């Protein structure tokens, strides 16, 4: 049984097809996608804005820049997030290892599982 999640989830992803896929996956899970932001600056503006966020999906490499400033901003706000990367957890710096991470190409189930882990939702 697939469990529904709810909440506003920020998407930071520079590949438009991947961003559209993530939007669809989030909507299917019952979440409201925020963004997608396709640059670090756009993502930072959304991450530090006044709009409420319940979670975020962060591509580690966004248009050649690392996503970690956005991760720092979300961490400071207490917003859980999931990294997505073609390199899996080995693509993360030591300080971010152990954080929920999905490896590209990902499945809907992998996104759901990582988001639930990040948001502290128990699997049904």
N, C-alpha and C. Protein backbone atom coordinates (compact mmCIF):
# COMPACT_ATOMS: atom_id res chain seq x y z
N UNK A 1 0.85 -1.17 0.00
CA UNK A 1 0.00 0.00 0.00
C UNK A 1 0.89 1.24 0.00
N UNK A 2 0.60 2.19 -0.89
CA UNK A 2 1.42 3.39 -0.90
C UNK A 2 0.78 4.41 0.03
N UNK A 3 1.62 4.94 0.87
CA UNK A 3 1.14 5.90 1.86
C UNK A 3 1.20 7.29 1.28
N UNK A 4 0.21 8.11 1.59
CA UNK A 4 0.26 9.48 1.10
C UNK A 4 0.94 10.35 2.13
N UNK A 5 1.64 11.30 1.62
CA UNK A 5 2.27 12.32 2.44
C UNK A 5 1.52 13.60 2.14
N UNK A 6 1.72 14.59 2.95
CA UNK A 6 1.16 15.88 2.61
C UNK A 6 2.21 16.92 2.94
N UNK A 7 2.01 18.09 2.42
CA UNK A 7 2.93 19.17 2.73
C UNK A 7 3.49 19.80 1.47
N UNK A 8 4.18 20.90 1.69
CA UNK A 8 4.78 21.67 0.61
C UNK A 8 6.24 21.27 0.50
N UNK A 9 6.62 20.79 -0.69
CA UNK A 9 7.97 20.26 -0.89
C UNK A 9 8.69 21.07 -1.97
N UNK A 10 9.77 21.71 -1.57
CA UNK A 10 10.60 22.48 -2.50
C UNK A 10 11.38 21.53 -3.40
N UNK A 11 11.40 21.83 -4.70
CA UNK A 11 12.20 21.07 -5.66
C UNK A 11 13.31 21.99 -6.18
N UNK A 12 14.57 21.56 -6.03
CA UNK A 12 15.69 22.26 -6.65
C UNK A 12 16.33 21.28 -7.61
N UNK A 13 16.16 21.53 -8.92
CA UNK A 13 16.58 20.59 -9.95
C UNK A 13 16.73 21.36 -11.26
N UNK A 14 17.91 21.27 -11.89
CA UNK A 14 18.15 22.03 -13.12
C UNK A 14 17.75 21.30 -14.39
N UNK A 15 17.47 20.02 -14.31
CA UNK A 15 17.02 19.27 -15.50
C UNK A 15 15.50 19.32 -15.55
N UNK A 16 14.95 19.98 -16.57
CA UNK A 16 13.50 20.22 -16.59
C UNK A 16 12.69 18.93 -16.61
N UNK A 17 13.16 17.90 -17.32
CA UNK A 17 12.39 16.64 -17.35
C UNK A 17 12.37 15.98 -15.97
N UNK A 18 13.49 16.02 -15.27
CA UNK A 18 13.56 15.44 -13.93
C UNK A 18 12.67 16.25 -12.98
N UNK A 19 12.71 17.57 -13.11
CA UNK A 19 11.87 18.43 -12.26
C UNK A 19 10.39 18.12 -12.49
N UNK A 20 9.99 17.94 -13.75
CA UNK A 20 8.58 17.62 -14.04
C UNK A 20 8.21 16.26 -13.46
N UNK A 21 9.12 15.29 -13.55
CA UNK A 21 8.88 13.97 -12.98
C UNK A 21 8.69 14.08 -11.46
N UNK A 22 9.56 14.86 -10.81
CA UNK A 22 9.44 15.03 -9.36
C UNK A 22 8.13 15.70 -8.99
N UNK A 23 7.70 16.69 -9.77
CA UNK A 23 6.42 17.34 -9.50
C UNK A 23 5.28 16.33 -9.55
N UNK A 24 5.30 15.48 -10.58
CA UNK A 24 4.26 14.46 -10.73
C UNK A 24 4.29 13.47 -9.57
N UNK A 25 5.50 13.01 -9.20
CA UNK A 25 5.63 12.07 -8.09
C UNK A 25 5.07 12.70 -6.80
N UNK A 26 5.45 13.95 -6.53
CA UNK A 26 4.98 14.62 -5.31
C UNK A 26 3.47 14.78 -5.31
N UNK A 27 2.90 15.18 -6.45
CA UNK A 27 1.45 15.34 -6.53
C UNK A 27 0.75 14.00 -6.31
N UNK A 28 1.31 12.92 -6.89
CA UNK A 28 0.74 11.58 -6.71
C UNK A 28 0.77 11.17 -5.24
N UNK A 29 1.77 11.65 -4.48
CA UNK A 29 1.89 11.31 -3.06
C UNK A 29 1.02 12.20 -2.19
N UNK A 30 0.42 13.24 -2.77
CA UNK A 30 -0.43 14.13 -1.99
C UNK A 30 0.28 15.39 -1.51
N UNK A 31 1.49 15.63 -2.04
CA UNK A 31 2.25 16.82 -1.65
C UNK A 31 2.02 17.95 -2.66
N UNK A 32 2.36 19.15 -2.24
CA UNK A 32 2.29 20.32 -3.12
C UNK A 32 3.72 20.71 -3.48
N UNK A 33 4.10 20.58 -4.78
CA UNK A 33 5.45 20.97 -5.17
C UNK A 33 5.63 22.49 -5.09
N UNK A 34 6.78 22.93 -4.62
CA UNK A 34 7.14 24.34 -4.60
C UNK A 34 8.34 24.48 -5.54
N UNK A 35 8.27 25.44 -6.46
CA UNK A 35 9.31 25.57 -7.47
C UNK A 35 8.82 24.91 -8.75
N UNK A 36 9.62 24.23 -9.47
CA UNK A 36 11.02 23.89 -9.18
C UNK A 36 11.96 25.06 -9.43
N UNK A 37 12.98 25.13 -8.59
CA UNK A 37 14.05 26.10 -8.77
C UNK A 37 15.13 25.44 -9.62
N UNK A 38 15.60 26.13 -10.65
CA UNK A 38 16.61 25.53 -11.53
C UNK A 38 17.99 26.15 -11.35
N UNK A 39 18.12 27.09 -10.38
CA UNK A 39 19.42 27.66 -10.06
C UNK A 39 19.57 27.70 -8.54
N UNK A 40 20.82 27.82 -8.08
CA UNK A 40 21.08 27.91 -6.64
C UNK A 40 20.43 29.18 -6.08
N UNK A 41 20.56 30.30 -6.80
CA UNK A 41 20.00 31.57 -6.31
C UNK A 41 18.48 31.49 -6.16
N UNK A 42 17.83 30.90 -7.17
CA UNK A 42 16.37 30.74 -7.11
C UNK A 42 15.98 29.84 -5.94
N UNK A 43 16.72 28.75 -5.76
CA UNK A 43 16.46 27.82 -4.67
C UNK A 43 16.66 28.47 -3.31
N UNK A 44 17.72 29.28 -3.19
CA UNK A 44 17.99 29.98 -1.93
C UNK A 44 16.87 30.96 -1.60
N UNK A 45 16.38 31.66 -2.64
CA UNK A 45 15.29 32.61 -2.42
C UNK A 45 14.05 31.89 -1.89
N UNK A 46 13.73 30.71 -2.45
CA UNK A 46 12.58 29.94 -1.99
C UNK A 46 12.83 29.34 -0.61
N UNK A 47 14.07 28.89 -0.37
CA UNK A 47 14.40 28.24 0.91
C UNK A 47 14.41 29.23 2.07
N UNK A 48 14.73 30.49 1.79
CA UNK A 48 14.83 31.48 2.87
C UNK A 48 13.63 32.41 2.90
N UNK A 49 12.68 32.22 1.98
CA UNK A 49 11.51 33.09 1.92
C UNK A 49 10.54 32.81 3.06
N UNK A 50 9.44 33.53 3.03
CA UNK A 50 8.46 33.40 4.11
C UNK A 50 7.47 32.26 3.87
N UNK A 51 7.51 31.68 2.66
CA UNK A 51 6.59 30.59 2.32
C UNK A 51 6.89 29.36 3.17
N UNK A 52 5.86 28.75 3.76
CA UNK A 52 6.12 27.55 4.56
C UNK A 52 6.58 26.38 3.69
N UNK A 53 7.54 25.63 4.20
CA UNK A 53 8.03 24.43 3.51
C UNK A 53 8.03 23.29 4.51
N UNK A 54 7.59 22.12 4.05
CA UNK A 54 7.59 20.93 4.90
C UNK A 54 8.76 20.01 4.63
N UNK A 55 9.33 20.12 3.42
CA UNK A 55 10.47 19.29 3.04
C UNK A 55 11.02 19.84 1.72
N UNK A 56 12.15 19.26 1.29
CA UNK A 56 12.74 19.67 0.01
C UNK A 56 13.48 18.51 -0.63
N UNK A 57 13.51 18.53 -1.95
CA UNK A 57 14.30 17.59 -2.75
C UNK A 57 15.37 18.40 -3.45
N UNK A 58 16.63 18.12 -3.16
CA UNK A 58 17.73 18.93 -3.65
C UNK A 58 18.66 18.14 -4.55
N UNK A 59 18.75 18.54 -5.81
CA UNK A 59 19.77 17.98 -6.70
C UNK A 59 21.11 18.52 -6.22
N UNK A 60 22.10 17.66 -6.04
CA UNK A 60 23.37 18.09 -5.46
C UNK A 60 24.12 19.04 -6.39
N UNK A 61 24.06 18.79 -7.70
CA UNK A 61 24.77 19.63 -8.66
C UNK A 61 23.74 20.38 -9.50
N UNK A 62 23.61 21.67 -9.27
CA UNK A 62 22.61 22.48 -9.98
C UNK A 62 23.33 23.45 -10.90
N UNK A 63 23.25 23.19 -12.19
CA UNK A 63 23.90 24.05 -13.20
C UNK A 63 25.37 24.30 -12.84
N UNK A 64 26.05 23.24 -12.40
CA UNK A 64 27.48 23.33 -12.12
C UNK A 64 27.83 23.87 -10.74
N UNK A 65 26.82 24.17 -9.91
CA UNK A 65 27.08 24.65 -8.54
C UNK A 65 26.53 23.65 -7.53
N UNK A 66 27.22 23.54 -6.39
CA UNK A 66 26.78 22.63 -5.33
C UNK A 66 25.58 23.22 -4.59
N UNK A 67 24.67 22.36 -4.16
CA UNK A 67 23.41 22.78 -3.56
C UNK A 67 23.53 23.05 -2.05
N UNK A 68 24.71 22.87 -1.49
CA UNK A 68 24.84 22.91 -0.03
C UNK A 68 24.44 24.23 0.63
N UNK A 69 24.59 25.41 -0.02
CA UNK A 69 24.07 26.63 0.63
C UNK A 69 22.56 26.56 0.88
N UNK A 70 21.83 25.91 -0.02
CA UNK A 70 20.38 25.75 0.17
C UNK A 70 20.12 24.77 1.31
N UNK A 71 20.91 23.69 1.36
CA UNK A 71 20.78 22.71 2.45
C UNK A 71 21.02 23.40 3.80
N UNK A 72 22.03 24.26 3.87
CA UNK A 72 22.32 25.00 5.11
C UNK A 72 21.13 25.88 5.51
N UNK A 73 20.56 26.58 4.53
CA UNK A 73 19.42 27.47 4.80
C UNK A 73 18.22 26.67 5.31
N UNK A 74 17.96 25.52 4.69
CA UNK A 74 16.84 24.67 5.12
C UNK A 74 17.10 24.10 6.51
N UNK A 75 18.33 23.67 6.75
CA UNK A 75 18.70 23.12 8.06
C UNK A 75 18.46 24.17 9.15
N UNK A 76 18.84 25.42 8.85
CA UNK A 76 18.65 26.51 9.82
C UNK A 76 17.18 26.75 10.11
N UNK A 77 16.32 26.49 9.13
CA UNK A 77 14.87 26.66 9.30
C UNK A 77 14.21 25.42 9.89
N UNK A 78 14.97 24.33 9.98
CA UNK A 78 14.40 23.08 10.49
C UNK A 78 13.55 22.35 9.46
N UNK A 79 13.84 22.59 8.17
CA UNK A 79 13.10 21.93 7.10
C UNK A 79 13.87 20.69 6.65
N UNK A 80 13.26 19.51 6.74
CA UNK A 80 13.96 18.29 6.31
C UNK A 80 14.12 18.27 4.79
N UNK A 81 15.19 17.63 4.32
CA UNK A 81 15.41 17.57 2.88
C UNK A 81 16.10 16.27 2.49
N UNK A 82 16.00 15.98 1.19
CA UNK A 82 16.58 14.79 0.60
C UNK A 82 17.47 15.23 -0.55
N UNK A 83 18.69 14.71 -0.61
CA UNK A 83 19.56 14.99 -1.74
C UNK A 83 19.27 14.00 -2.86
N UNK A 84 19.40 14.46 -4.11
CA UNK A 84 19.36 13.53 -5.24
C UNK A 84 20.63 13.77 -6.05
N UNK A 85 21.28 12.68 -6.41
CA UNK A 85 22.55 12.78 -7.13
C UNK A 85 22.80 11.53 -7.94
N UNK A 86 23.50 11.70 -9.04
CA UNK A 86 23.88 10.55 -9.85
C UNK A 86 24.97 9.72 -9.20
N UNK A 87 25.59 10.27 -8.15
CA UNK A 87 26.70 9.59 -7.49
C UNK A 87 26.30 8.90 -6.20
N UNK A 88 25.02 8.98 -5.82
CA UNK A 88 24.60 8.40 -4.56
C UNK A 88 25.25 9.15 -3.41
N UNK A 89 25.31 8.53 -2.25
CA UNK A 89 25.83 9.20 -1.06
C UNK A 89 27.31 9.55 -1.20
N UNK A 90 28.04 8.83 -2.06
CA UNK A 90 29.46 9.12 -2.23
C UNK A 90 29.68 10.48 -2.90
N UNK A 91 28.63 11.04 -3.49
CA UNK A 91 28.73 12.36 -4.10
C UNK A 91 28.59 13.49 -3.09
N UNK A 92 28.38 13.15 -1.83
CA UNK A 92 28.21 14.17 -0.79
C UNK A 92 29.51 14.39 -0.03
N UNK A 93 29.70 15.61 0.46
CA UNK A 93 30.85 15.87 1.31
C UNK A 93 30.60 15.19 2.66
N UNK A 94 31.66 14.98 3.41
CA UNK A 94 31.56 14.26 4.69
C UNK A 94 30.49 14.83 5.60
N UNK A 95 30.36 16.15 5.63
CA UNK A 95 29.43 16.77 6.57
C UNK A 95 27.97 16.40 6.27
N UNK A 96 27.67 16.01 5.03
CA UNK A 96 26.28 15.69 4.66
C UNK A 96 26.03 14.19 4.52
N UNK A 97 27.07 13.37 4.68
CA UNK A 97 26.88 11.92 4.57
C UNK A 97 25.90 11.44 5.63
N UNK A 98 25.09 10.45 5.28
CA UNK A 98 24.12 9.94 6.23
C UNK A 98 22.77 10.65 6.11
N UNK A 99 22.76 11.73 5.34
CA UNK A 99 21.50 12.44 5.10
C UNK A 99 20.68 11.65 4.08
N UNK A 100 19.35 11.67 4.17
CA UNK A 100 18.56 10.93 3.17
C UNK A 100 18.97 11.34 1.75
N UNK A 101 19.32 10.35 0.94
CA UNK A 101 19.81 10.60 -0.41
C UNK A 101 19.20 9.57 -1.36
N UNK A 102 18.78 10.03 -2.53
CA UNK A 102 18.34 9.11 -3.57
C UNK A 102 19.31 9.21 -4.73
N UNK A 103 19.60 8.07 -5.32
CA UNK A 103 20.52 8.04 -6.45
C UNK A 103 19.72 8.10 -7.74
N UNK A 104 20.18 8.94 -8.67
CA UNK A 104 19.54 9.02 -9.98
C UNK A 104 20.06 7.88 -10.84
N UNK A 105 19.27 7.31 -11.71
CA UNK A 105 17.83 7.56 -11.85
C UNK A 105 17.07 6.94 -10.69
N UNK A 106 16.08 7.64 -10.20
CA UNK A 106 15.34 7.18 -9.03
C UNK A 106 13.95 6.72 -9.43
N UNK A 107 13.32 6.02 -8.49
CA UNK A 107 11.95 5.57 -8.70
C UNK A 107 11.04 6.37 -7.78
N UNK A 108 9.76 6.31 -8.05
CA UNK A 108 8.79 6.97 -7.19
C UNK A 108 8.89 6.43 -5.76
N UNK A 109 9.09 5.10 -5.66
CA UNK A 109 9.19 4.48 -4.33
C UNK A 109 10.40 5.01 -3.57
N UNK A 110 11.53 5.21 -4.28
CA UNK A 110 12.74 5.72 -3.63
C UNK A 110 12.53 7.14 -3.12
N UNK A 111 11.84 7.96 -3.91
CA UNK A 111 11.55 9.34 -3.49
C UNK A 111 10.64 9.32 -2.27
N UNK A 112 9.59 8.51 -2.32
CA UNK A 112 8.64 8.42 -1.21
C UNK A 112 9.36 7.98 0.07
N UNK A 113 10.16 6.93 -0.04
CA UNK A 113 10.86 6.38 1.12
C UNK A 113 11.82 7.41 1.73
N UNK A 114 12.59 8.09 0.87
CA UNK A 114 13.55 9.07 1.36
C UNK A 114 12.85 10.26 2.01
N UNK A 115 11.75 10.73 1.40
CA UNK A 115 11.01 11.85 1.98
C UNK A 115 10.40 11.47 3.32
N UNK A 116 9.85 10.26 3.39
CA UNK A 116 9.25 9.80 4.65
C UNK A 116 10.32 9.71 5.74
N UNK A 117 11.50 9.23 5.37
CA UNK A 117 12.61 9.13 6.33
C UNK A 117 13.00 10.54 6.79
N UNK A 118 13.14 11.46 5.84
CA UNK A 118 13.55 12.82 6.17
C UNK A 118 12.51 13.52 7.05
N UNK A 119 11.23 13.27 6.76
CA UNK A 119 10.15 13.95 7.49
C UNK A 119 9.75 13.22 8.76
N UNK A 120 10.39 12.06 9.00
CA UNK A 120 10.11 11.32 10.22
C UNK A 120 8.74 10.65 10.22
N UNK A 121 8.26 10.30 9.01
CA UNK A 121 6.96 9.62 8.90
C UNK A 121 7.22 8.12 8.89
N UNK A 122 6.51 7.41 9.73
CA UNK A 122 6.70 5.95 9.79
C UNK A 122 6.02 5.30 8.59
N UNK A 123 6.67 4.27 8.06
CA UNK A 123 6.08 3.51 6.96
C UNK A 123 4.89 2.72 7.44
N UNK A 124 3.84 2.72 6.65
CA UNK A 124 2.61 1.97 7.05
C UNK A 124 2.80 0.50 6.79
